[in-house]
N, C-alpha and C. Protein backbone atom coordinates (compact mmCIF):
# COMPACT_ATOMS: atom_id res chain seq x y z
N MET A 1 79.09 84.33 121.87
CA MET A 1 78.62 84.84 122.39
C MET A 1 77.16 84.73 121.64
N THR A 2 76.28 84.69 122.46
CA THR A 2 74.77 85.32 122.26
C THR A 2 73.93 86.26 122.31
N LEU A 3 73.80 87.22 121.57
CA LEU A 3 73.82 88.54 121.73
C LEU A 3 71.53 88.79 121.12
N PRO A 4 71.32 89.60 121.60
CA PRO A 4 69.90 89.98 121.18
C PRO A 4 69.56 89.58 119.99
N TRP A 5 68.18 89.06 119.83
CA TRP A 5 67.68 88.49 118.22
C TRP A 5 68.41 87.28 117.97
N ASP A 6 69.12 86.76 119.13
CA ASP A 6 69.18 85.32 119.04
C ASP A 6 70.69 85.46 118.10
N LEU A 7 71.18 86.33 118.30
CA LEU A 7 72.43 86.70 117.44
C LEU A 7 73.73 85.92 117.77
N ARG A 8 74.35 84.79 116.98
CA ARG A 8 75.41 84.38 117.74
C ARG A 8 76.87 85.00 116.93
N ILE A 9 77.70 85.25 117.58
CA ILE A 9 79.09 85.54 116.85
C ILE A 9 80.10 85.06 117.61
N LYS A 10 81.14 85.29 117.40
CA LYS A 10 82.35 84.97 117.79
C LYS A 10 82.99 85.99 118.06
N VAL A 11 83.41 86.25 119.57
CA VAL A 11 83.83 87.42 119.92
C VAL A 11 85.83 87.58 119.84
N SER A 12 86.69 88.50 119.64
CA SER A 12 87.57 88.79 119.62
C SER A 12 88.06 89.82 120.39
N LEU A 13 88.90 89.29 121.97
CA LEU A 13 89.46 90.40 122.83
C LEU A 13 90.19 91.38 122.21
N ASN A 14 90.93 91.07 121.01
CA ASN A 14 92.22 91.81 120.71
C ASN A 14 91.78 93.18 119.56
N GLU A 15 90.39 93.47 119.82
CA GLU A 15 89.52 94.43 119.20
C GLU A 15 88.25 95.13 119.61
N ALA A 16 88.16 96.28 119.37
CA ALA A 16 87.41 97.41 120.58
C ALA A 16 85.68 96.64 120.59
N ILE A 17 85.41 96.06 119.08
CA ILE A 17 84.18 95.51 119.39
C ILE A 17 83.65 94.99 120.54
N GLY A 18 84.55 93.72 120.31
CA GLY A 18 84.74 92.54 121.24
C GLY A 18 85.19 92.44 122.41
N CYS A 19 85.66 93.39 122.77
CA CYS A 19 86.14 94.06 124.51
C CYS A 19 84.48 94.73 124.79
N HIS A 20 83.89 95.53 123.81
CA HIS A 20 82.65 96.18 124.23
C HIS A 20 81.59 95.29 124.20
N LEU A 21 81.72 94.21 123.59
CA LEU A 21 80.55 93.10 123.49
C LEU A 21 80.97 92.21 125.02
N ALA A 22 82.24 91.86 125.17
CA ALA A 22 82.39 91.22 126.34
C ALA A 22 81.85 91.71 127.55
N ARG A 23 81.73 93.07 127.78
CA ARG A 23 81.97 94.35 128.90
C ARG A 23 80.56 94.37 129.01
N TYR A 24 79.66 94.50 128.04
CA TYR A 24 78.23 94.96 128.32
C TYR A 24 77.25 93.75 127.57
N GLY A 25 77.59 92.93 126.77
CA GLY A 25 76.46 92.08 125.97
C GLY A 25 76.00 92.67 125.01
N LEU A 26 76.26 94.40 124.75
CA LEU A 26 75.03 95.05 123.76
C LEU A 26 76.67 95.81 122.59
N TYR A 27 75.94 95.80 121.59
CA TYR A 27 76.88 96.59 120.56
C TYR A 27 75.92 97.48 119.79
N GLU A 28 76.07 99.19 119.96
CA GLU A 28 74.90 99.86 119.20
C GLU A 28 73.36 99.13 119.18
N VAL A 29 72.96 98.90 120.48
CA VAL A 29 71.84 98.14 120.08
C VAL A 29 71.01 98.95 119.55
N GLY A 30 70.65 100.21 120.12
CA GLY A 30 69.64 101.27 119.59
C GLY A 30 69.51 101.54 118.03
N VAL A 31 70.87 101.49 117.34
CA VAL A 31 71.15 101.05 116.43
C VAL A 31 70.34 100.13 115.07
N THR A 32 70.44 99.12 115.74
CA THR A 32 69.83 97.75 115.08
C THR A 32 68.42 97.45 115.17
N GLU A 33 68.34 98.27 116.15
CA GLU A 33 66.61 98.39 116.84
C GLU A 33 65.69 99.45 115.78
N THR A 34 66.45 100.25 115.68
CA THR A 34 65.71 101.03 114.78
C THR A 34 65.69 101.13 113.48
N LEU A 35 66.58 100.18 112.95
CA LEU A 35 67.08 99.36 111.42
C LEU A 35 65.79 98.77 111.65
N TRP A 36 65.64 97.53 112.60
CA TRP A 36 64.73 96.39 112.70
C TRP A 36 63.21 97.63 112.63
N ARG A 37 63.25 98.32 112.80
CA ARG A 37 61.93 98.69 112.64
C ARG A 37 61.19 99.19 110.93
N LEU A 38 62.75 100.03 110.38
CA LEU A 38 62.42 100.45 109.40
C LEU A 38 62.51 99.33 108.46
N THR A 39 62.72 98.45 108.58
CA THR A 39 62.49 97.34 107.47
C THR A 39 61.43 96.12 107.87
N GLU A 40 61.27 95.70 106.76
CA GLU A 40 60.19 94.51 106.98
C GLU A 40 60.28 93.46 105.86
N PRO A 41 59.21 92.95 105.92
CA PRO A 41 59.75 90.86 105.85
C PRO A 41 58.87 91.50 103.77
N GLY A 42 60.51 90.83 103.51
CA GLY A 42 60.54 91.32 102.09
C GLY A 42 61.04 92.14 101.40
N ASP A 43 62.00 93.24 102.14
CA ASP A 43 62.56 94.39 101.93
C ASP A 43 64.26 93.49 101.60
N LEU A 44 64.58 94.79 100.33
CA LEU A 44 65.71 94.23 99.80
C LEU A 44 66.72 95.60 100.78
N ALA A 45 68.29 95.19 101.52
CA ALA A 45 68.61 96.28 102.17
C ALA A 45 70.14 96.10 101.25
N ILE A 46 70.49 97.07 101.69
CA ILE A 46 72.00 97.35 101.42
C ILE A 46 72.96 97.86 102.48
N ASP A 47 73.79 97.13 102.98
CA ASP A 47 74.46 97.26 104.41
C ASP A 47 75.99 97.75 103.74
N ALA A 48 76.57 99.25 103.76
CA ALA A 48 77.23 99.61 103.26
C ALA A 48 78.72 99.57 104.33
N GLY A 49 79.51 98.60 104.62
CA GLY A 49 80.35 98.87 105.55
C GLY A 49 79.70 97.94 106.77
N ALA A 50 79.38 96.72 106.23
CA ALA A 50 78.97 95.56 106.81
C ALA A 50 80.04 94.96 108.31
N ASN A 51 81.18 95.16 108.34
CA ASN A 51 82.19 94.61 109.25
C ASN A 51 81.79 93.32 109.59
N ILE A 52 81.66 93.26 110.82
CA ILE A 52 81.82 91.46 110.51
C ILE A 52 80.24 90.64 110.88
N GLY A 53 79.28 91.68 110.74
CA GLY A 53 77.66 91.19 110.74
C GLY A 53 76.90 91.65 111.64
N LEU A 54 77.14 92.42 112.33
CA LEU A 54 76.68 92.97 113.30
C LEU A 54 74.90 93.58 112.94
N TRP A 55 74.53 93.96 112.05
CA TRP A 55 73.34 94.71 111.44
C TRP A 55 73.00 93.51 110.27
N SER A 56 74.02 93.40 109.56
CA SER A 56 73.46 92.13 108.37
C SER A 56 72.81 90.77 108.45
N ILE A 57 73.42 90.17 110.11
CA ILE A 57 72.55 88.99 110.18
C ILE A 57 71.02 89.22 111.09
N PRO A 58 70.88 89.99 111.78
CA PRO A 58 69.34 90.65 112.42
C PRO A 58 68.43 91.43 110.82
N ALA A 59 69.20 91.70 110.10
CA ALA A 59 68.32 92.77 109.05
C ALA A 59 68.37 91.13 108.41
N ALA A 60 68.83 90.69 108.01
CA ALA A 60 68.43 88.69 107.14
C ALA A 60 66.97 88.55 107.89
N ARG A 61 67.44 88.46 109.08
CA ARG A 61 66.17 87.56 109.95
C ARG A 61 64.59 88.52 109.50
N ARG A 62 65.14 89.99 109.59
CA ARG A 62 63.77 90.44 109.76
C ARG A 62 63.46 90.55 108.33
N VAL A 63 64.26 90.46 106.81
CA VAL A 63 63.66 90.75 105.75
C VAL A 63 63.02 89.16 105.53
N GLY A 64 63.26 88.34 106.01
CA GLY A 64 62.73 87.01 105.99
C GLY A 64 63.54 86.72 104.21
N PRO A 65 62.82 85.20 103.94
CA PRO A 65 63.01 84.50 102.97
C PRO A 65 62.79 85.22 101.75
N THR A 66 61.99 85.92 101.86
CA THR A 66 61.62 86.78 100.63
C THR A 66 62.42 88.12 100.20
N GLY A 67 63.25 88.32 101.43
CA GLY A 67 63.68 89.62 101.36
C GLY A 67 65.33 89.28 100.97
N GLU A 68 66.33 90.16 101.25
CA GLU A 68 67.69 90.21 100.76
C GLU A 68 68.53 90.98 101.30
N VAL A 69 69.68 90.64 101.64
CA VAL A 69 70.77 91.79 102.35
C VAL A 69 71.83 91.92 101.30
N HIS A 70 72.45 93.17 101.14
CA HIS A 70 74.05 93.14 99.75
C HIS A 70 74.57 93.85 101.02
N ALA A 71 75.53 92.85 101.52
CA ALA A 71 76.70 93.20 102.57
C ALA A 71 78.04 93.40 101.57
N PHE A 72 78.70 94.48 102.03
CA PHE A 72 79.65 95.03 101.51
C PHE A 72 80.77 95.26 102.51
N GLU A 73 81.94 94.93 102.30
CA GLU A 73 82.80 94.78 103.24
C GLU A 73 83.89 94.55 102.45
N PRO A 74 84.93 95.39 102.37
CA PRO A 74 86.34 95.16 101.36
C PRO A 74 87.67 94.75 102.35
N VAL A 75 87.49 94.53 103.76
CA VAL A 75 88.59 94.22 104.78
C VAL A 75 88.75 92.41 104.76
N PRO A 76 89.62 92.20 104.35
CA PRO A 76 89.30 90.78 104.17
C PRO A 76 89.15 89.88 105.60
N ALA A 77 89.91 90.57 106.82
CA ALA A 77 89.29 89.40 108.04
C ALA A 77 88.15 89.77 108.03
N ASN A 78 87.37 91.25 107.97
CA ASN A 78 86.23 91.38 108.46
C ASN A 78 85.02 90.49 107.49
N MET A 79 85.74 90.56 106.50
CA MET A 79 84.62 89.43 105.31
C MET A 79 84.95 88.18 106.00
N GLN A 80 86.15 87.82 106.05
CA GLN A 80 86.01 86.12 106.94
C GLN A 80 85.08 85.96 108.21
N ARG A 81 85.35 87.14 108.83
CA ARG A 81 84.40 86.85 110.31
C ARG A 81 82.88 87.20 109.76
N LEU A 82 82.78 88.02 108.76
CA LEU A 82 81.13 88.24 108.49
C LEU A 82 80.52 86.49 107.82
N THR A 83 81.15 86.15 106.81
CA THR A 83 80.84 84.77 106.06
C THR A 83 80.83 83.73 107.11
N GLU A 84 81.69 84.02 108.42
CA GLU A 84 81.66 82.51 109.68
C GLU A 84 80.55 82.85 110.49
N HIS A 85 80.04 83.88 110.97
CA HIS A 85 79.12 84.36 111.57
C HIS A 85 77.49 84.25 110.59
N LEU A 86 77.98 84.21 109.47
CA LEU A 86 76.03 83.96 108.59
C LEU A 86 76.11 82.35 108.74
N ARG A 87 77.39 81.76 108.79
CA ARG A 87 77.19 80.01 108.78
C ARG A 87 76.49 79.51 110.51
N LEU A 88 77.10 80.56 111.18
CA LEU A 88 76.61 80.21 112.65
C LEU A 88 74.98 80.20 113.01
N ASN A 89 75.10 81.49 112.25
CA ASN A 89 73.47 81.67 112.34
C ASN A 89 72.90 81.11 111.44
N ALA A 90 72.93 80.43 110.45
CA ALA A 90 72.17 79.78 109.44
C ALA A 90 71.52 80.29 108.39
N ILE A 91 71.92 81.54 108.32
CA ILE A 91 71.62 82.34 107.38
C ILE A 91 72.32 82.74 106.42
N ALA A 92 70.88 82.56 104.70
CA ALA A 92 71.78 82.30 103.81
C ALA A 92 71.04 83.83 102.92
N ARG A 93 70.57 84.65 103.19
CA ARG A 93 69.73 85.46 102.32
C ARG A 93 71.07 86.66 102.83
N VAL A 94 72.16 86.67 102.74
CA VAL A 94 73.23 87.62 102.71
C VAL A 94 73.96 87.38 101.50
N ARG A 95 74.30 88.55 100.47
CA ARG A 95 75.17 88.56 99.39
C ARG A 95 75.86 89.09 99.79
N CYS A 96 77.46 88.95 100.09
CA CYS A 96 78.80 89.13 100.64
C CYS A 96 79.32 89.70 99.49
N GLN A 97 79.67 90.92 99.48
CA GLN A 97 80.71 91.79 98.51
C GLN A 97 82.07 92.34 99.17
N GLN A 98 82.86 91.34 99.02
CA GLN A 98 84.49 91.87 99.23
C GLN A 98 84.48 93.12 98.68
N ARG A 99 84.12 94.15 98.49
CA ARG A 99 84.43 95.55 98.05
C ARG A 99 84.11 96.49 98.68
N ALA A 100 84.48 97.49 97.87
CA ALA A 100 84.33 98.64 99.02
C ALA A 100 82.82 99.10 98.11
N LEU A 101 81.96 100.45 98.32
CA LEU A 101 81.20 101.34 97.84
C LEU A 101 81.42 102.54 97.64
N GLY A 102 81.33 102.87 96.70
CA GLY A 102 82.32 104.60 96.25
C GLY A 102 80.86 105.21 95.04
N ASP A 103 82.49 106.02 94.90
CA ASP A 103 82.13 106.94 93.26
C ASP A 103 82.80 106.33 92.07
N ARG A 104 83.43 105.62 92.04
CA ARG A 104 83.81 105.38 90.78
C ARG A 104 83.58 103.44 90.79
N ASN A 105 84.55 102.80 89.84
CA ASN A 105 84.05 101.64 89.47
C ASN A 105 85.72 101.16 89.79
N GLY A 106 86.09 100.12 89.70
CA GLY A 106 87.55 99.72 89.32
C GLY A 106 88.34 98.81 90.71
N GLU A 107 89.53 99.84 90.36
CA GLU A 107 90.65 99.28 92.15
C GLU A 107 90.86 100.27 92.89
N THR A 108 91.09 100.34 93.75
CA THR A 108 91.36 101.40 94.51
C THR A 108 92.10 100.89 96.06
N THR A 109 92.95 101.45 96.82
CA THR A 109 93.45 101.39 97.92
C THR A 109 93.13 101.74 98.88
N PHE A 110 92.70 101.01 100.14
CA PHE A 110 91.89 100.87 100.93
C PHE A 110 92.59 100.82 102.59
N TYR A 111 92.57 101.28 103.29
CA TYR A 111 93.47 101.56 104.44
C TYR A 111 92.79 101.15 105.72
N VAL A 112 93.95 99.42 106.06
CA VAL A 112 92.82 98.79 106.70
C VAL A 112 93.03 99.44 108.67
N PRO A 113 92.54 98.98 109.53
CA PRO A 113 93.06 99.69 110.78
C PRO A 113 93.99 98.54 110.99
N SER A 114 94.78 99.67 112.24
CA SER A 114 95.68 98.57 112.61
C SER A 114 95.63 98.65 114.48
N ASN A 115 94.72 99.17 114.66
CA ASN A 115 94.70 100.09 116.22
C ASN A 115 93.53 98.99 116.64
N GLY A 116 93.25 97.76 116.57
CA GLY A 116 92.43 96.94 117.50
C GLY A 116 90.79 97.67 117.00
N ASN A 117 90.45 98.55 116.11
CA ASN A 117 89.18 98.92 115.85
C ASN A 117 89.24 98.47 114.44
N SER A 118 88.49 97.33 114.22
CA SER A 118 88.09 96.69 112.96
C SER A 118 87.53 97.41 111.79
N GLY A 119 86.35 98.25 112.67
CA GLY A 119 85.74 99.35 111.56
C GLY A 119 85.91 100.12 111.31
N ALA A 120 87.58 100.90 111.89
CA ALA A 120 87.78 102.37 111.51
C ALA A 120 88.61 102.69 109.89
N GLY A 121 88.72 101.51 109.25
CA GLY A 121 89.03 101.59 108.14
C GLY A 121 88.24 102.37 107.09
N GLY A 122 88.76 102.64 105.66
CA GLY A 122 88.28 103.80 105.05
C GLY A 122 89.21 104.01 103.29
N LEU A 123 88.82 104.76 102.99
CA LEU A 123 89.58 104.83 101.51
C LEU A 123 90.76 105.95 101.33
N ALA A 124 90.39 106.67 103.24
CA ALA A 124 91.16 107.60 103.23
C ALA A 124 92.51 107.35 104.22
N SER A 125 93.65 107.72 104.14
CA SER A 125 94.37 107.03 105.56
C SER A 125 94.35 108.09 106.85
N ARG A 126 93.97 107.46 107.83
CA ARG A 126 93.80 107.85 109.08
C ARG A 126 95.15 107.58 110.57
N GLU A 127 95.11 108.83 111.00
CA GLU A 127 95.95 108.02 111.94
C GLU A 127 95.63 107.11 112.81
N GLY A 128 96.42 105.86 113.34
CA GLY A 128 96.30 104.12 113.31
C GLY A 128 95.63 103.46 112.25
N VAL A 129 95.46 103.76 111.50
CA VAL A 129 95.19 103.18 110.33
C VAL A 129 96.00 103.10 109.26
N GLN A 130 97.01 102.23 109.82
CA GLN A 130 98.65 101.95 108.48
C GLN A 130 98.69 101.28 107.49
N THR A 131 97.94 100.17 107.24
CA THR A 131 98.15 99.05 106.40
C THR A 131 97.46 99.41 105.22
N ALA A 132 98.06 99.42 104.16
CA ALA A 132 97.26 99.51 102.36
C ALA A 132 96.87 98.51 101.39
N ILE A 133 96.06 98.21 101.68
CA ILE A 133 95.65 97.13 100.69
C ILE A 133 94.90 97.52 99.41
N ASN A 134 94.92 96.83 98.41
CA ASN A 134 94.24 97.09 96.88
C ASN A 134 92.52 95.94 96.94
N THR A 135 91.63 96.95 96.73
CA THR A 135 90.22 96.58 96.54
C THR A 135 89.52 97.08 95.62
N ALA A 136 88.44 96.08 95.40
CA ALA A 136 87.63 96.78 94.44
C ALA A 136 87.14 97.93 94.59
N ILE A 137 86.32 98.44 93.85
CA ILE A 137 85.46 99.58 94.13
C ILE A 137 84.38 99.25 93.26
N VAL A 138 82.72 100.10 93.54
CA VAL A 138 81.88 99.74 92.88
C VAL A 138 81.52 101.20 92.72
N THR A 139 80.20 101.64 92.31
CA THR A 139 79.03 102.36 92.66
C THR A 139 78.46 102.07 93.04
N LEU A 140 77.24 102.01 93.61
CA LEU A 140 75.57 101.62 94.26
C LEU A 140 75.03 101.46 92.52
N ASP A 141 74.83 102.85 92.08
CA ASP A 141 74.36 102.44 90.63
C ASP A 141 74.69 101.39 89.38
N THR A 142 76.19 101.43 89.16
CA THR A 142 76.57 100.56 88.46
C THR A 142 76.05 98.91 88.86
N TYR A 143 76.36 98.87 90.36
CA TYR A 143 76.01 97.62 91.07
C TYR A 143 74.82 97.09 90.56
N CYS A 144 73.85 97.87 91.11
CA CYS A 144 71.72 97.82 91.09
C CYS A 144 71.93 97.72 89.45
N ALA A 145 72.61 98.04 88.56
CA ALA A 145 72.44 97.65 86.93
C ALA A 145 73.02 96.33 86.60
N ASP A 146 74.30 95.72 87.21
CA ASP A 146 74.54 94.99 86.85
C ASP A 146 73.72 93.40 87.70
N GLU A 147 73.56 94.19 88.73
CA GLU A 147 72.61 92.77 89.47
C GLU A 147 70.87 92.65 89.22
N GLY A 148 70.20 93.72 88.52
CA GLY A 148 69.25 93.55 87.96
C GLY A 148 68.68 94.28 89.23
N ILE A 149 68.84 95.16 89.99
CA ILE A 149 68.34 95.81 91.54
C ILE A 149 67.72 97.06 90.77
N ASP A 150 65.94 97.11 90.99
CA ASP A 150 65.46 98.16 90.48
C ASP A 150 64.62 98.64 91.97
N ARG A 151 64.61 98.11 92.75
CA ARG A 151 64.50 98.74 94.19
C ARG A 151 65.03 98.30 95.26
N ILE A 152 65.56 99.33 96.29
CA ILE A 152 65.88 99.19 97.17
C ILE A 152 65.66 99.50 98.58
N ASP A 153 65.46 99.21 99.28
CA ASP A 153 64.32 99.69 100.25
C ASP A 153 64.86 100.27 101.37
N LEU A 154 66.13 99.73 101.58
CA LEU A 154 67.13 100.61 102.63
C LEU A 154 68.67 100.48 103.14
N LEU A 155 68.85 102.13 102.39
CA LEU A 155 70.22 101.87 102.46
C LEU A 155 71.01 102.05 103.88
N LYS A 156 72.26 101.26 104.31
CA LYS A 156 72.68 101.80 105.73
C LYS A 156 73.84 101.97 105.34
N VAL A 157 74.91 102.85 105.49
CA VAL A 157 76.18 103.49 105.38
C VAL A 157 76.72 103.45 106.53
N ASP A 158 77.83 103.12 106.65
CA ASP A 158 78.67 103.61 108.02
C ASP A 158 80.48 102.95 107.32
N VAL A 159 81.09 104.33 106.70
CA VAL A 159 82.19 104.07 105.51
C VAL A 159 83.11 105.32 106.31
N GLU A 160 82.55 105.35 107.91
CA GLU A 160 84.35 106.32 108.39
C GLU A 160 84.65 107.41 107.54
N GLY A 161 83.56 107.88 107.24
CA GLY A 161 83.72 109.88 106.35
C GLY A 161 83.64 109.39 105.40
N GLY A 162 83.35 108.43 104.78
CA GLY A 162 83.18 108.10 103.45
C GLY A 162 81.61 108.21 102.66
N GLU A 163 81.16 108.92 103.30
CA GLU A 163 79.44 108.56 103.34
C GLU A 163 79.55 109.50 101.57
N THR A 164 79.96 110.63 101.35
CA THR A 164 79.60 111.46 100.50
C THR A 164 80.02 110.89 99.10
N LEU A 165 80.66 109.69 99.18
CA LEU A 165 81.53 108.92 97.86
C LEU A 165 80.19 107.92 97.88
N VAL A 166 79.78 107.28 98.63
CA VAL A 166 79.13 106.90 98.79
C VAL A 166 77.28 106.71 97.71
N PHE A 167 77.26 108.12 98.10
CA PHE A 167 75.98 108.83 97.91
C PHE A 167 75.97 109.46 96.48
N ARG A 168 77.62 110.29 96.23
CA ARG A 168 77.79 110.31 94.81
C ARG A 168 77.85 109.21 93.63
N GLY A 169 77.95 108.02 94.31
CA GLY A 169 78.09 106.77 93.53
C GLY A 169 76.57 106.26 93.29
N ALA A 170 75.36 106.81 93.82
CA ALA A 170 74.15 106.67 94.06
C ALA A 170 73.27 107.43 93.44
N THR A 171 73.50 108.29 92.51
CA THR A 171 72.67 109.51 92.21
C THR A 171 71.72 108.83 91.88
N LYS A 172 71.38 107.65 90.66
CA LYS A 172 70.19 107.32 90.17
C LYS A 172 69.44 106.08 90.66
N VAL A 173 69.91 105.67 91.86
CA VAL A 173 69.30 105.25 92.78
C VAL A 173 68.48 105.51 93.51
N LEU A 174 69.19 107.32 94.19
CA LEU A 174 68.52 108.21 95.20
C LEU A 174 67.32 108.77 94.63
N ALA A 175 67.64 109.20 93.49
CA ALA A 175 67.04 110.08 92.52
C ALA A 175 65.76 109.40 92.10
N SER A 176 65.68 108.03 92.20
CA SER A 176 64.44 107.43 91.67
C SER A 176 63.28 107.21 92.25
N PRO A 177 61.94 107.21 91.88
CA PRO A 177 60.87 107.29 92.27
C PRO A 177 60.61 106.29 93.05
N THR A 178 61.62 105.25 93.48
CA THR A 178 61.76 103.97 94.90
C THR A 178 63.04 104.48 95.65
N ALA A 179 63.36 105.67 95.42
CA ALA A 179 64.70 105.84 96.36
C ALA A 179 64.38 105.36 97.69
N PRO A 180 65.58 104.24 98.37
CA PRO A 180 65.57 103.52 99.48
C PRO A 180 65.52 104.98 100.99
N MET A 181 64.97 104.75 102.25
CA MET A 181 65.32 105.32 102.89
C MET A 181 66.91 104.83 103.28
N ILE A 182 67.40 106.28 103.94
CA ILE A 182 69.12 105.67 104.00
C ILE A 182 68.99 106.13 105.79
N PHE A 183 69.90 105.31 106.12
CA PHE A 183 70.50 105.28 107.48
C PHE A 183 72.03 105.27 107.55
N PHE A 184 72.57 106.79 108.10
CA PHE A 184 73.92 106.99 108.21
C PHE A 184 74.19 107.27 109.50
N GLU A 185 76.11 106.82 109.48
CA GLU A 185 76.55 107.57 110.54
C GLU A 185 77.60 108.58 109.57
N THR A 186 77.58 109.80 110.57
CA THR A 186 78.34 110.73 109.58
C THR A 186 79.30 111.43 110.86
N GLY A 187 80.46 112.32 110.66
CA GLY A 187 81.07 112.82 112.12
C GLY A 187 81.84 113.58 111.33
N ASP A 188 82.37 114.84 111.72
CA ASP A 188 83.00 115.85 110.95
C ASP A 188 84.72 115.42 111.02
N ARG A 189 85.38 114.72 112.30
CA ARG A 189 86.42 114.33 112.39
C ARG A 189 86.79 113.26 111.10
N VAL A 190 85.97 112.15 110.59
CA VAL A 190 86.66 112.06 109.91
C VAL A 190 86.08 111.76 108.47
N SER A 191 84.92 112.90 108.04
CA SER A 191 84.35 113.11 106.93
C SER A 191 85.66 114.36 106.59
N ALA A 192 86.06 115.08 107.24
CA ALA A 192 87.18 115.86 107.02
C ALA A 192 88.34 115.10 106.05
N LEU A 193 88.32 114.02 106.57
CA LEU A 193 89.55 113.19 105.64
C LEU A 193 89.08 112.70 104.14
N TYR A 194 88.07 113.75 103.63
CA TYR A 194 87.71 113.34 102.68
C TYR A 194 86.92 114.38 101.71
N GLN A 195 87.89 115.88 102.68
CA GLN A 195 87.45 117.29 102.40
C GLN A 195 85.75 117.49 102.60
N SER A 196 85.66 117.04 103.55
CA SER A 196 83.80 117.31 103.57
C SER A 196 84.15 117.45 104.58
N SER A 197 82.20 117.30 105.24
CA SER A 197 81.85 117.56 106.76
C SER A 197 80.40 116.96 106.86
N SER A 198 79.66 117.01 108.13
CA SER A 198 78.57 116.45 108.23
C SER A 198 77.58 117.18 107.84
N HIS A 199 77.99 118.42 107.62
CA HIS A 199 76.91 119.43 107.07
C HIS A 199 77.14 118.88 105.61
N GLN A 200 77.58 118.79 105.05
CA GLN A 200 78.57 118.20 103.75
C GLN A 200 77.22 117.33 103.15
N VAL A 201 77.77 116.59 104.21
CA VAL A 201 76.76 115.25 103.66
C VAL A 201 75.17 115.21 103.54
N LYS A 202 74.66 115.60 104.74
CA LYS A 202 73.55 115.95 104.95
C LYS A 202 72.67 116.94 103.73
N ARG A 203 73.57 117.71 103.41
CA ARG A 203 72.94 118.53 102.51
C ARG A 203 73.17 117.64 101.27
N LEU A 204 74.06 116.95 100.65
CA LEU A 204 73.91 116.11 100.00
C LEU A 204 72.88 115.07 99.52
């Protein structure tokens, strides 16, 4: 399919996102439009929970040849589709990281969706998400130090309730004079899987 922003993707009707796209031709277009307005050419953006690239790809177009997008997606099947979509759209300014962002460095268990919803995985088990895999995990502070990143313009976080973990692993980034704008999704049902709530995430 060809979506807004002239974004080309391969749609799978075996998953929720693909069925939504096939029926409506759009997916969370308001989110993408808002994030487009929040970024500028030359920006550096972090996409935590990149899934199949529905935001990373337009973001890369928005930041242009002088900008960069770092996309974190721990699910191998999602990462394979993300890189395929980057090739389909001839985009080279996305640095793909097949690992999770969180509050520690090393290895961890990640629960992959088995219910047809490719974006429902996370670091906590939940109903309908049954397959456990081993994945690398890194804090944003460590990643920025290792990569020599001294400025992030936009941090987009959509990690199915694990937002608190991402923010706890980014205390230096978020406390710096060049702290990024943060755009994140939260909900009490998924936050409860991490002994948290939407209120606690926002307070943090």
